[in-house]
Amino acid sequence: MRMTKTDPTRAVALRERRALILQYWGLDDRGFAPVMELRELQGDEWQAEAELDAIDFELDDAR
């Protein structure tokens, strides 16, 4: 079953949220990928990575 396409207004909000998370953690557009190459994520990093993944999933569906 295919989900409905993401509302454009929601997509903008998701992109803004993604930018805030990246800025807070001092990351570039790759997110936590470079960090995970060097070490395991810890504590709140896992939650932030999961939120970035969820946002990316929904934004990919919006295209």
N, C-alpha and C. Protein backbone atom coordinates (compact mmCIF):
# COMPACT_ATOMS: atom_id res chain seq x y z
N MET A 1 0.85 -1.18 0.00
CA MET A 1 0.00 0.00 0.00
C MET A 1 0.89 1.24 0.00
N ARG A 2 0.73 2.10 -0.94
CA ARG A 2 1.53 3.32 -1.07
C ARG A 2 0.94 4.43 -0.21
N MET A 3 1.84 5.11 0.51
CA MET A 3 1.41 6.24 1.32
C MET A 3 1.12 7.42 0.40
N THR A 4 0.27 8.32 0.86
CA THR A 4 0.00 9.51 0.07
C THR A 4 1.23 10.41 0.07
N LYS A 5 1.33 11.22 -0.95
CA LYS A 5 2.47 12.12 -1.09
C LYS A 5 2.46 13.16 0.04
N THR A 6 3.64 13.51 0.52
CA THR A 6 3.77 14.48 1.60
C THR A 6 3.33 15.86 1.14
N ASP A 7 2.54 16.51 1.96
CA ASP A 7 2.07 17.87 1.69
C ASP A 7 3.28 18.80 1.55
N PRO A 8 3.28 19.69 0.56
CA PRO A 8 4.42 20.59 0.35
C PRO A 8 4.77 21.44 1.58
N THR A 9 3.75 21.89 2.31
CA THR A 9 4.00 22.67 3.52
C THR A 9 4.72 21.82 4.57
N ARG A 10 4.30 20.58 4.70
CA ARG A 10 4.96 19.67 5.64
C ARG A 10 6.39 19.38 5.20
N ALA A 11 6.61 19.25 3.91
CA ALA A 11 7.95 19.00 3.40
C ALA A 11 8.89 20.15 3.76
N VAL A 12 8.41 21.37 3.65
CA VAL A 12 9.22 22.53 4.02
C VAL A 12 9.56 22.47 5.51
N ALA A 13 8.57 22.17 6.33
CA ALA A 13 8.80 22.07 7.77
C ALA A 13 9.80 20.96 8.10
N LEU A 14 9.70 19.83 7.41
CA LEU A 14 10.63 18.73 7.64
C LEU A 14 12.05 19.13 7.25
N ARG A 15 12.20 19.83 6.13
CA ARG A 15 13.54 20.28 5.72
C ARG A 15 14.13 21.24 6.75
N GLU A 16 13.29 22.12 7.29
CA GLU A 16 13.75 23.06 8.32
C GLU A 16 14.16 22.32 9.59
N ARG A 17 13.37 21.32 9.97
CA ARG A 17 13.69 20.52 11.16
C ARG A 17 15.01 19.78 10.96
N ARG A 18 15.19 19.22 9.77
CA ARG A 18 16.43 18.51 9.45
C ARG A 18 17.63 19.45 9.55
N ALA A 19 17.48 20.67 9.02
CA ALA A 19 18.55 21.65 9.09
C ALA A 19 18.89 22.02 10.53
N LEU A 20 17.87 22.15 11.36
CA LEU A 20 18.10 22.46 12.78
C LEU A 20 18.86 21.34 13.49
N ILE A 21 18.48 20.10 13.22
CA ILE A 21 19.17 18.96 13.84
C ILE A 21 20.63 18.93 13.40
N LEU A 22 20.87 19.09 12.11
CA LEU A 22 22.25 19.09 11.61
C LEU A 22 23.06 20.21 12.23
N GLN A 23 22.47 21.39 12.34
CA GLN A 23 23.16 22.54 12.93
C GLN A 23 23.46 22.29 14.41
N TYR A 24 22.49 21.77 15.14
CA TYR A 24 22.66 21.51 16.57
C TYR A 24 23.83 20.57 16.84
N TRP A 25 23.93 19.51 16.03
CA TRP A 25 24.97 18.52 16.22
C TRP A 25 26.26 18.86 15.47
N GLY A 26 26.28 19.97 14.73
CA GLY A 26 27.47 20.38 14.01
C GLY A 26 27.80 19.45 12.85
N LEU A 27 26.76 19.00 12.14
CA LEU A 27 26.93 18.03 11.06
C LEU A 27 26.70 18.68 9.70
N ASP A 28 27.24 18.05 8.66
CA ASP A 28 26.95 18.49 7.30
C ASP A 28 25.78 17.66 6.76
N ASP A 29 25.52 17.75 5.47
CA ASP A 29 24.36 17.06 4.89
C ASP A 29 24.43 15.54 4.98
N ARG A 30 25.60 15.00 5.26
CA ARG A 30 25.74 13.55 5.41
C ARG A 30 25.20 13.04 6.73
N GLY A 31 24.86 13.95 7.63
CA GLY A 31 24.33 13.55 8.93
C GLY A 31 25.39 12.85 9.78
N PHE A 32 25.00 11.76 10.42
CA PHE A 32 25.88 11.06 11.34
C PHE A 32 26.77 10.03 10.65
N ALA A 33 26.68 9.88 9.34
CA ALA A 33 27.46 8.86 8.63
C ALA A 33 28.96 8.95 8.92
N PRO A 34 29.58 10.13 8.83
CA PRO A 34 31.02 10.20 9.13
C PRO A 34 31.35 9.82 10.57
N VAL A 35 30.46 10.17 11.49
CA VAL A 35 30.67 9.83 12.90
C VAL A 35 30.62 8.33 13.09
N MET A 36 29.65 7.68 12.43
CA MET A 36 29.48 6.23 12.58
C MET A 36 30.64 5.46 11.96
N GLU A 37 31.37 6.08 11.04
CA GLU A 37 32.55 5.43 10.47
C GLU A 37 33.67 5.34 11.51
N LEU A 38 33.66 6.26 12.47
CA LEU A 38 34.73 6.34 13.47
C LEU A 38 34.38 5.68 14.79
N ARG A 39 33.10 5.73 15.16
CA ARG A 39 32.70 5.21 16.47
C ARG A 39 31.20 4.95 16.50
N GLU A 40 30.77 4.27 17.53
CA GLU A 40 29.34 4.02 17.74
C GLU A 40 28.67 5.30 18.23
N LEU A 41 27.44 5.51 17.80
CA LEU A 41 26.67 6.64 18.32
C LEU A 41 26.31 6.37 19.77
N GLN A 42 26.16 7.43 20.54
CA GLN A 42 25.86 7.28 21.96
C GLN A 42 24.68 8.16 22.34
N GLY A 43 23.91 7.68 23.28
CA GLY A 43 22.83 8.46 23.88
C GLY A 43 21.91 9.14 22.90
N ASP A 44 21.84 10.46 23.03
CA ASP A 44 20.92 11.26 22.22
C ASP A 44 21.27 11.25 20.74
N GLU A 45 22.50 10.89 20.40
CA GLU A 45 22.88 10.81 18.99
C GLU A 45 22.01 9.79 18.25
N TRP A 46 21.69 8.68 18.90
CA TRP A 46 20.83 7.65 18.28
C TRP A 46 19.46 8.21 17.97
N GLN A 47 18.90 8.96 18.92
CA GLN A 47 17.57 9.54 18.71
C GLN A 47 17.59 10.55 17.56
N ALA A 48 18.63 11.39 17.52
CA ALA A 48 18.75 12.36 16.44
C ALA A 48 18.93 11.67 15.09
N GLU A 49 19.72 10.61 15.04
CA GLU A 49 19.92 9.86 13.80
C GLU A 49 18.61 9.21 13.35
N ALA A 50 17.85 8.68 14.27
CA ALA A 50 16.56 8.07 13.92
C ALA A 50 15.60 9.12 13.38
N GLU A 51 15.61 10.32 13.97
CA GLU A 51 14.73 11.37 13.48
C GLU A 51 15.16 11.83 12.08
N LEU A 52 16.48 11.95 11.86
CA LEU A 52 16.97 12.31 10.52
C LEU A 52 16.57 11.26 9.49
N ASP A 53 16.68 9.99 9.86
CA ASP A 53 16.29 8.91 8.94
C ASP A 53 14.80 8.99 8.60
N ALA A 54 13.97 9.25 9.60
CA ALA A 54 12.53 9.34 9.37
C ALA A 54 12.20 10.54 8.47
N ILE A 55 12.87 11.65 8.71
CA ILE A 55 12.65 12.84 7.87
C ILE A 55 13.08 12.55 6.44
N ASP A 56 14.27 11.96 6.28
CA ASP A 56 14.76 11.64 4.93
C ASP A 56 13.83 10.69 4.20
N PHE A 57 13.29 9.70 4.92
CA PHE A 57 12.36 8.74 4.32
C PHE A 57 11.12 9.45 3.80
N GLU A 58 10.56 10.32 4.63
CA GLU A 58 9.34 11.03 4.22
C GLU A 58 9.62 12.01 3.08
N LEU A 59 10.76 12.69 3.13
CA LEU A 59 11.09 13.63 2.06
C LEU A 59 11.37 12.91 0.75
N ASP A 60 11.97 11.73 0.81
CA ASP A 60 12.19 10.95 -0.41
C ASP A 60 10.86 10.57 -1.04
N ASP A 61 9.87 10.29 -0.22
CA ASP A 61 8.54 9.95 -0.72
C ASP A 61 7.84 11.17 -1.32
N ALA A 62 8.24 12.37 -0.88
CA ALA A 62 7.59 13.60 -1.35
C ALA A 62 8.03 13.97 -2.76
N ARG A 63 9.14 13.41 -3.22
CA ARG A 63 9.66 13.77 -4.55
C ARG A 63 8.89 13.13 -5.67
